[in-house]
Amino acid sequence: MKLLIEERVFSWNDRFSVRDETGTDRYFVEGELFSWGKKLHVCDRSGREVAYVEQQLFTFRPRYAVYAEGKLIGEVVREFSFFRPHYTVEGADWDVEGDFWEHDYSVLRRGEPVVSIQKAWFTWGDCYVLDIRAPRDELQALALVLAIDCAIEQDHH
């Protein structure tokens, strides 16, 4: 299964949709601009919140808590590195590897791909494709990718 996210995902005060391969809206994501820490709400087509990403404040390294269906599924943490960013998912058995600035990375579970993220070529505007291997991982993979994008955006400021 593939989900498509337009580049404007990095706008905190914007509402944007996540589409499937046919262009149908699957989720709506809305950021809170005026709050303590960055927050993203992921809602299904009916408007029900199904996932939530929240910046953890007062931490030495960028850290984002990721919730799906009301349960904490992990925390995305930027690890110390000098040349290239590296992120881990604490509290879950998922690892992250690849080129984050180019949006070309994968999330792995025990060495097996859960989701791969790549920039889509030949699209109208910049778009990123999430290739999710198993439908059961769709929501968790989307929420984790959004949290990683939040951490990447924080690194740029």
N, C-alpha and C. Protein backbone atom coordinates (compact mmCIF):
# COMPACT_ATOMS: atom_id res chain seq x y z
N MET A 1 0.84 -1.17 0.00
CA MET A 1 0.00 0.00 0.00
C MET A 1 0.88 1.24 0.00
N LYS A 2 0.46 2.25 -0.72
CA LYS A 2 1.23 3.50 -0.79
C LYS A 2 0.37 4.67 -0.34
N LEU A 3 1.02 5.56 0.41
CA LEU A 3 0.40 6.82 0.81
C LEU A 3 1.27 7.94 0.27
N LEU A 4 0.64 9.06 -0.10
CA LEU A 4 1.34 10.20 -0.68
C LEU A 4 1.18 11.41 0.23
N ILE A 5 2.31 12.07 0.50
CA ILE A 5 2.31 13.28 1.33
C ILE A 5 2.98 14.39 0.53
N GLU A 6 2.29 15.53 0.40
CA GLU A 6 2.89 16.67 -0.28
C GLU A 6 3.91 17.32 0.62
N GLU A 7 4.84 18.06 0.03
CA GLU A 7 5.94 18.66 0.78
C GLU A 7 5.46 19.61 1.86
N ARG A 8 4.31 20.18 1.73
CA ARG A 8 3.84 21.14 2.73
C ARG A 8 3.61 20.52 4.10
N VAL A 9 3.88 19.22 4.23
CA VAL A 9 3.77 18.55 5.53
C VAL A 9 4.57 19.29 6.60
N PHE A 10 5.57 20.06 6.22
CA PHE A 10 6.42 20.72 7.19
C PHE A 10 5.82 22.01 7.72
N SER A 11 4.64 22.38 7.29
CA SER A 11 3.99 23.57 7.78
C SER A 11 3.16 23.21 9.01
N TRP A 12 3.52 23.78 10.16
CA TRP A 12 2.88 23.41 11.42
C TRP A 12 1.47 23.94 11.55
N ASN A 13 1.15 25.04 10.92
CA ASN A 13 -0.17 25.61 11.11
C ASN A 13 -1.11 25.26 9.97
N ASP A 14 -0.75 24.32 9.17
CA ASP A 14 -1.51 23.96 7.99
C ASP A 14 -2.30 22.69 8.24
N ARG A 15 -3.32 22.50 7.47
CA ARG A 15 -4.06 21.25 7.44
C ARG A 15 -3.84 20.68 6.04
N PHE A 16 -3.43 19.43 5.98
CA PHE A 16 -3.18 18.81 4.68
C PHE A 16 -3.70 17.38 4.71
N SER A 17 -3.84 16.82 3.52
CA SER A 17 -4.35 15.45 3.45
C SER A 17 -3.24 14.50 3.03
N VAL A 18 -3.40 13.26 3.45
CA VAL A 18 -2.54 12.16 3.03
C VAL A 18 -3.41 11.31 2.12
N ARG A 19 -2.93 11.07 0.90
CA ARG A 19 -3.73 10.39 -0.10
C ARG A 19 -3.19 8.99 -0.38
N ASP A 20 -4.06 8.15 -0.91
CA ASP A 20 -3.60 6.83 -1.35
C ASP A 20 -3.16 6.93 -2.82
N GLU A 21 -2.82 5.81 -3.41
CA GLU A 21 -2.30 5.78 -4.78
C GLU A 21 -3.29 6.31 -5.82
N THR A 22 -4.57 6.24 -5.52
CA THR A 22 -5.58 6.69 -6.48
C THR A 22 -5.88 8.18 -6.33
N GLY A 23 -5.27 8.82 -5.32
CA GLY A 23 -5.52 10.24 -5.07
C GLY A 23 -6.65 10.49 -4.09
N THR A 24 -7.19 9.44 -3.51
CA THR A 24 -8.27 9.57 -2.53
C THR A 24 -7.69 9.94 -1.16
N ASP A 25 -8.32 10.92 -0.52
CA ASP A 25 -7.89 11.31 0.82
C ASP A 25 -8.10 10.14 1.78
N ARG A 26 -7.04 9.79 2.53
CA ARG A 26 -7.12 8.72 3.54
C ARG A 26 -7.11 9.31 4.95
N TYR A 27 -6.27 10.36 5.14
CA TYR A 27 -6.12 10.99 6.44
C TYR A 27 -5.99 12.49 6.25
N PHE A 28 -6.33 13.21 7.31
CA PHE A 28 -6.10 14.65 7.36
C PHE A 28 -5.19 14.91 8.55
N VAL A 29 -4.19 15.75 8.34
CA VAL A 29 -3.23 16.07 9.39
C VAL A 29 -3.30 17.56 9.65
N GLU A 30 -3.36 17.91 10.92
CA GLU A 30 -3.44 19.32 11.29
C GLU A 30 -2.45 19.60 12.41
N GLY A 31 -1.67 20.65 12.24
CA GLY A 31 -0.70 21.04 13.24
C GLY A 31 -1.24 22.13 14.14
N GLU A 32 -0.74 22.15 15.37
CA GLU A 32 -1.05 23.22 16.31
C GLU A 32 0.12 24.18 16.34
N LEU A 33 -0.10 25.40 15.94
CA LEU A 33 0.97 26.38 15.90
C LEU A 33 1.21 27.01 17.27
N PHE A 34 0.15 27.37 17.95
CA PHE A 34 0.29 28.09 19.22
C PHE A 34 0.03 27.14 20.39
N SER A 35 1.02 26.32 20.68
CA SER A 35 0.92 25.39 21.80
C SER A 35 2.32 25.22 22.38
N TRP A 36 2.39 24.64 23.55
CA TRP A 36 3.69 24.34 24.14
C TRP A 36 4.22 23.10 23.45
N GLY A 37 5.18 23.27 22.59
CA GLY A 37 5.70 22.17 21.79
C GLY A 37 4.87 21.97 20.54
N LYS A 38 5.46 21.31 19.59
CA LYS A 38 4.79 21.03 18.32
C LYS A 38 3.86 19.83 18.48
N LYS A 39 2.70 19.92 17.84
CA LYS A 39 1.72 18.84 17.91
C LYS A 39 1.08 18.65 16.54
N LEU A 40 0.89 17.39 16.16
CA LEU A 40 0.18 17.04 14.93
C LEU A 40 -0.95 16.09 15.28
N HIS A 41 -2.12 16.35 14.72
CA HIS A 41 -3.28 15.49 14.90
C HIS A 41 -3.57 14.82 13.56
N VAL A 42 -3.70 13.49 13.56
CA VAL A 42 -4.01 12.73 12.35
C VAL A 42 -5.44 12.22 12.51
N CYS A 43 -6.30 12.60 11.56
CA CYS A 43 -7.71 12.20 11.61
C CYS A 43 -8.06 11.36 10.39
N ASP A 44 -9.01 10.45 10.58
CA ASP A 44 -9.47 9.67 9.44
C ASP A 44 -10.47 10.51 8.64
N ARG A 45 -11.04 9.95 7.60
CA ARG A 45 -11.95 10.70 6.72
C ARG A 45 -13.19 11.19 7.42
N SER A 46 -13.58 10.54 8.51
CA SER A 46 -14.77 10.98 9.23
C SER A 46 -14.46 12.09 10.24
N GLY A 47 -13.18 12.43 10.39
CA GLY A 47 -12.78 13.48 11.32
C GLY A 47 -12.37 12.98 12.70
N ARG A 48 -12.39 11.67 12.91
CA ARG A 48 -11.99 11.09 14.20
C ARG A 48 -10.47 11.04 14.30
N GLU A 49 -9.92 11.54 15.41
CA GLU A 49 -8.47 11.49 15.61
C GLU A 49 -8.03 10.05 15.81
N VAL A 50 -7.07 9.61 14.98
CA VAL A 50 -6.58 8.23 15.05
C VAL A 50 -5.12 8.15 15.43
N ALA A 51 -4.40 9.27 15.34
CA ALA A 51 -2.99 9.31 15.73
C ALA A 51 -2.64 10.73 16.15
N TYR A 52 -1.55 10.82 16.90
CA TYR A 52 -1.16 12.10 17.48
C TYR A 52 0.36 12.08 17.67
N VAL A 53 1.00 13.18 17.30
CA VAL A 53 2.45 13.33 17.48
C VAL A 53 2.66 14.57 18.33
N GLU A 54 3.47 14.42 19.38
CA GLU A 54 3.69 15.53 20.30
C GLU A 54 5.16 15.67 20.64
N GLN A 55 5.69 16.87 20.47
CA GLN A 55 7.07 17.16 20.83
C GLN A 55 7.21 17.10 22.35
N GLN A 56 8.22 16.39 22.80
CA GLN A 56 8.51 16.33 24.23
C GLN A 56 9.41 17.51 24.56
N LEU A 57 8.99 18.31 25.51
CA LEU A 57 9.73 19.51 25.88
C LEU A 57 10.79 19.20 26.93
N PHE A 58 11.74 20.11 27.03
CA PHE A 58 12.78 20.05 28.05
C PHE A 58 13.61 18.77 27.94
N THR A 59 13.93 18.38 26.72
CA THR A 59 14.81 17.25 26.49
C THR A 59 16.05 17.74 25.78
N PHE A 60 17.15 17.05 25.97
CA PHE A 60 18.41 17.47 25.37
C PHE A 60 18.42 17.23 23.87
N ARG A 61 17.86 16.13 23.44
CA ARG A 61 17.78 15.81 22.01
C ARG A 61 16.33 15.91 21.56
N PRO A 62 16.08 16.26 20.28
CA PRO A 62 14.70 16.29 19.79
C PRO A 62 14.02 14.94 20.02
N ARG A 63 12.82 15.00 20.59
CA ARG A 63 12.08 13.78 20.95
C ARG A 63 10.59 14.03 20.71
N TYR A 64 9.96 13.08 20.02
CA TYR A 64 8.53 13.18 19.71
C TYR A 64 7.82 11.91 20.12
N ALA A 65 6.78 12.05 20.94
CA ALA A 65 5.95 10.91 21.33
C ALA A 65 4.93 10.67 20.22
N VAL A 66 4.72 9.39 19.91
CA VAL A 66 3.82 9.02 18.82
C VAL A 66 2.72 8.12 19.41
N TYR A 67 1.47 8.55 19.20
CA TYR A 67 0.32 7.80 19.68
C TYR A 67 -0.51 7.35 18.48
N ALA A 68 -1.03 6.14 18.53
CA ALA A 68 -1.96 5.65 17.50
C ALA A 68 -3.11 4.98 18.23
N GLU A 69 -4.33 5.34 17.86
CA GLU A 69 -5.53 4.80 18.51
C GLU A 69 -5.47 4.98 20.02
N GLY A 70 -4.91 6.11 20.46
CA GLY A 70 -4.88 6.44 21.88
C GLY A 70 -3.78 5.79 22.70
N LYS A 71 -2.92 4.98 22.06
CA LYS A 71 -1.86 4.29 22.79
C LYS A 71 -0.50 4.80 22.33
N LEU A 72 0.41 4.99 23.29
CA LEU A 72 1.78 5.37 22.95
C LEU A 72 2.43 4.19 22.22
N ILE A 73 2.90 4.44 20.98
CA ILE A 73 3.54 3.36 20.23
C ILE A 73 5.05 3.52 20.16
N GLY A 74 5.55 4.67 20.57
CA GLY A 74 6.99 4.87 20.59
C GLY A 74 7.34 6.34 20.63
N GLU A 75 8.63 6.59 20.77
CA GLU A 75 9.14 7.96 20.74
C GLU A 75 10.27 8.02 19.73
N VAL A 76 10.17 8.98 18.82
CA VAL A 76 11.23 9.20 17.84
C VAL A 76 12.24 10.15 18.47
N VAL A 77 13.51 9.72 18.48
CA VAL A 77 14.57 10.48 19.13
C VAL A 77 15.71 10.66 18.13
N ARG A 78 16.20 11.90 18.05
CA ARG A 78 17.38 12.16 17.22
C ARG A 78 18.61 11.81 18.04
N GLU A 79 19.42 10.93 17.49
CA GLU A 79 20.64 10.50 18.17
C GLU A 79 21.78 11.46 17.85
N PHE A 80 22.82 11.43 18.68
CA PHE A 80 24.00 12.24 18.41
C PHE A 80 24.72 11.70 17.18
N SER A 81 25.04 12.58 16.26
CA SER A 81 25.86 12.23 15.10
C SER A 81 26.42 13.53 14.54
N PHE A 82 27.59 13.44 13.94
CA PHE A 82 28.24 14.66 13.48
C PHE A 82 27.90 15.03 12.04
N PHE A 83 27.75 14.05 11.17
CA PHE A 83 27.61 14.37 9.75
C PHE A 83 26.22 14.16 9.20
N ARG A 84 25.55 13.13 9.61
CA ARG A 84 24.22 12.83 9.09
C ARG A 84 23.30 12.55 10.27
N PRO A 85 22.06 13.01 10.18
CA PRO A 85 21.14 12.73 11.29
C PRO A 85 20.82 11.24 11.39
N HIS A 86 20.58 10.79 12.60
CA HIS A 86 20.19 9.41 12.85
C HIS A 86 19.07 9.43 13.88
N TYR A 87 18.02 8.65 13.62
CA TYR A 87 16.86 8.62 14.50
C TYR A 87 16.60 7.19 14.96
N THR A 88 16.11 7.08 16.17
CA THR A 88 15.68 5.78 16.68
C THR A 88 14.24 5.90 17.14
N VAL A 89 13.58 4.76 17.25
CA VAL A 89 12.23 4.70 17.77
C VAL A 89 12.30 3.93 19.08
N GLU A 90 12.22 4.67 20.18
CA GLU A 90 12.28 4.04 21.50
C GLU A 90 10.89 3.53 21.86
N GLY A 91 10.86 2.38 22.52
CA GLY A 91 9.59 1.81 22.96
C GLY A 91 8.94 0.93 21.91
N ALA A 92 9.55 0.81 20.77
CA ALA A 92 9.04 -0.07 19.70
C ALA A 92 10.24 -0.83 19.15
N ASP A 93 9.98 -1.92 18.52
CA ASP A 93 11.08 -2.70 17.95
C ASP A 93 11.35 -2.30 16.50
N TRP A 94 11.30 -0.99 16.24
CA TRP A 94 11.51 -0.47 14.90
C TRP A 94 12.81 0.32 14.86
N ASP A 95 13.55 0.20 13.76
CA ASP A 95 14.77 0.95 13.52
C ASP A 95 14.57 1.82 12.28
N VAL A 96 15.35 2.88 12.18
CA VAL A 96 15.24 3.80 11.05
C VAL A 96 16.61 3.96 10.43
N GLU A 97 16.67 3.88 9.09
CA GLU A 97 17.95 4.08 8.40
C GLU A 97 17.72 4.69 7.03
N GLY A 98 18.73 5.44 6.57
CA GLY A 98 18.66 6.04 5.24
C GLY A 98 19.06 7.50 5.25
N ASP A 99 18.73 8.21 4.19
CA ASP A 99 19.06 9.61 4.01
C ASP A 99 17.82 10.45 4.33
N PHE A 100 17.80 11.05 5.50
CA PHE A 100 16.61 11.76 5.96
C PHE A 100 16.40 13.08 5.24
N TRP A 101 17.48 13.81 4.96
CA TRP A 101 17.33 15.09 4.30
C TRP A 101 16.79 14.94 2.89
N GLU A 102 17.05 13.83 2.26
CA GLU A 102 16.55 13.56 0.91
C GLU A 102 15.22 12.81 0.93
N HIS A 103 14.70 12.55 2.11
CA HIS A 103 13.46 11.77 2.25
C HIS A 103 13.57 10.45 1.51
N ASP A 104 14.64 9.74 1.80
CA ASP A 104 14.88 8.43 1.21
C ASP A 104 15.38 7.52 2.34
N TYR A 105 14.44 6.99 3.12
CA TYR A 105 14.81 6.17 4.26
C TYR A 105 13.77 5.08 4.48
N SER A 106 14.07 4.16 5.38
CA SER A 106 13.19 3.03 5.68
C SER A 106 13.05 2.88 7.19
N VAL A 107 11.89 2.38 7.59
CA VAL A 107 11.65 1.98 8.96
C VAL A 107 11.58 0.46 8.94
N LEU A 108 12.37 -0.17 9.82
CA LEU A 108 12.50 -1.63 9.83
C LEU A 108 12.02 -2.21 11.16
N ARG A 109 11.43 -3.38 11.11
CA ARG A 109 11.07 -4.14 12.30
C ARG A 109 11.88 -5.43 12.27
N ARG A 110 12.80 -5.58 13.23
CA ARG A 110 13.69 -6.74 13.28
C ARG A 110 14.36 -7.01 11.92
N GLY A 111 14.80 -5.92 11.29
CA GLY A 111 15.52 -6.02 10.03
C GLY A 111 14.65 -6.11 8.79
N GLU A 112 13.34 -6.24 8.94
CA GLU A 112 12.42 -6.33 7.80
C GLU A 112 11.75 -4.98 7.57
N PRO A 113 11.65 -4.52 6.32
CA PRO A 113 11.03 -3.22 6.04
C PRO A 113 9.57 -3.16 6.46
N VAL A 114 9.20 -2.10 7.14
CA VAL A 114 7.82 -1.80 7.49
C VAL A 114 7.29 -0.76 6.51
N VAL A 115 8.09 0.30 6.32
CA VAL A 115 7.72 1.36 5.40
C VAL A 115 9.00 1.96 4.82
N SER A 116 8.94 2.28 3.53
CA SER A 116 10.04 2.99 2.85
C SER A 116 9.50 4.34 2.40
N ILE A 117 10.31 5.37 2.55
CA ILE A 117 9.92 6.72 2.19
C ILE A 117 10.86 7.20 1.10
N GLN A 118 10.28 7.70 0.00
CA GLN A 118 11.07 8.22 -1.10
C GLN A 118 10.38 9.42 -1.71
N LYS A 119 11.19 10.29 -2.27
CA LYS A 119 10.63 11.42 -3.00
C LYS A 119 10.09 10.90 -4.32
N ALA A 120 8.87 11.34 -4.66
CA ALA A 120 8.26 10.91 -5.92
C ALA A 120 8.72 11.85 -7.03
N TRP A 121 9.14 11.27 -8.12
CA TRP A 121 9.56 12.05 -9.28
C TRP A 121 8.41 12.16 -10.25
N PHE A 122 8.44 13.20 -11.05
CA PHE A 122 7.43 13.42 -12.09
C PHE A 122 6.04 13.62 -11.49
N THR A 123 5.98 14.34 -10.37
CA THR A 123 4.69 14.67 -9.79
C THR A 123 4.51 16.18 -9.85
N TRP A 124 3.28 16.62 -9.69
CA TRP A 124 2.98 18.05 -9.68
C TRP A 124 3.35 18.58 -8.30
N GLY A 125 4.50 19.22 -8.20
CA GLY A 125 5.02 19.66 -6.92
C GLY A 125 5.75 18.51 -6.23
N ASP A 126 6.42 18.82 -5.13
CA ASP A 126 7.15 17.79 -4.40
C ASP A 126 6.19 16.91 -3.61
N CYS A 127 6.40 15.63 -3.72
CA CYS A 127 5.54 14.66 -3.06
C CYS A 127 6.41 13.51 -2.57
N TYR A 128 6.05 12.95 -1.42
CA TYR A 128 6.79 11.83 -0.85
C TYR A 128 5.88 10.62 -0.77
N VAL A 129 6.42 9.48 -1.12
CA VAL A 129 5.66 8.24 -1.15
C VAL A 129 6.06 7.37 0.02
N LEU A 130 5.07 6.93 0.78
CA LEU A 130 5.28 5.97 1.86
C LEU A 130 4.82 4.63 1.32
N ASP A 131 5.73 3.70 1.14
CA ASP A 131 5.41 2.37 0.67
C ASP A 131 5.34 1.46 1.89
N ILE A 132 4.12 1.15 2.32
CA ILE A 132 3.88 0.39 3.55
C ILE A 132 3.64 -1.07 3.17
N ARG A 133 4.45 -1.95 3.75
CA ARG A 133 4.42 -3.36 3.35
C ARG A 133 3.15 -4.08 3.78
N ALA A 134 2.70 -3.89 5.02
CA ALA A 134 1.52 -4.61 5.52
C ALA A 134 0.43 -3.62 5.92
N PRO A 135 -0.80 -3.82 5.47
CA PRO A 135 -1.88 -2.89 5.82
C PRO A 135 -2.06 -2.68 7.32
N ARG A 136 -1.75 -3.66 8.14
CA ARG A 136 -1.91 -3.52 9.59
C ARG A 136 -0.97 -2.46 10.17
N ASP A 137 0.11 -2.13 9.45
CA ASP A 137 1.08 -1.15 9.92
C ASP A 137 0.84 0.26 9.39
N GLU A 138 -0.22 0.45 8.63
CA GLU A 138 -0.46 1.72 7.94
C GLU A 138 -0.46 2.92 8.89
N LEU A 139 -1.30 2.91 9.88
CA LEU A 139 -1.45 4.06 10.76
C LEU A 139 -0.19 4.30 11.59
N GLN A 140 0.39 3.25 12.14
CA GLN A 140 1.60 3.41 12.95
C GLN A 140 2.76 3.92 12.09
N ALA A 141 2.89 3.39 10.88
CA ALA A 141 3.96 3.83 9.99
C ALA A 141 3.78 5.29 9.61
N LEU A 142 2.56 5.70 9.28
CA LEU A 142 2.31 7.10 8.95
C LEU A 142 2.65 8.00 10.12
N ALA A 143 2.20 7.65 11.32
CA ALA A 143 2.47 8.49 12.50
C ALA A 143 3.96 8.59 12.78
N LEU A 144 4.70 7.48 12.65
CA LEU A 144 6.15 7.53 12.88
C LEU A 144 6.86 8.36 11.83
N VAL A 145 6.46 8.26 10.58
CA VAL A 145 7.07 9.07 9.53
C VAL A 145 6.80 10.55 9.78
N LEU A 146 5.60 10.90 10.21
CA LEU A 146 5.30 12.30 10.53
C LEU A 146 6.17 12.79 11.68
N ALA A 147 6.38 11.95 12.69
CA ALA A 147 7.25 12.32 13.82
C ALA A 147 8.69 12.52 13.35
N ILE A 148 9.18 11.66 12.48
CA ILE A 148 10.54 11.82 11.95
C ILE A 148 10.63 13.12 11.17
N ASP A 149 9.61 13.44 10.37
CA ASP A 149 9.62 14.70 9.64
C ASP A 149 9.61 15.90 10.59
N CYS A 150 8.91 15.78 11.71
CA CYS A 150 8.93 16.85 12.71
C CYS A 150 10.34 17.05 13.25
N ALA A 151 11.01 15.95 13.56
CA ALA A 151 12.38 16.03 14.08
C ALA A 151 13.33 16.61 13.03
N ILE A 152 13.17 16.23 11.79
CA ILE A 152 14.00 16.77 10.70
C ILE A 152 13.78 18.27 10.59
N GLU A 153 12.53 18.68 10.65
CA GLU A 153 12.21 20.12 10.55
C GLU A 153 12.83 20.87 11.73
N GLN A 154 12.79 20.29 12.92
CA GLN A 154 13.38 20.94 14.09
C GLN A 154 14.89 21.09 13.91
N ASP A 155 15.52 20.10 13.28
CA ASP A 155 16.97 20.18 13.02
C ASP A 155 17.33 21.34 12.09
N HIS A 156 16.42 21.71 11.21
CA HIS A 156 16.69 22.77 10.24
C HIS A 156 16.54 24.15 10.84
N HIS A 157 16.03 24.24 12.07
CA HIS A 157 15.84 25.56 12.71
C HIS A 157 16.80 25.76 13.83
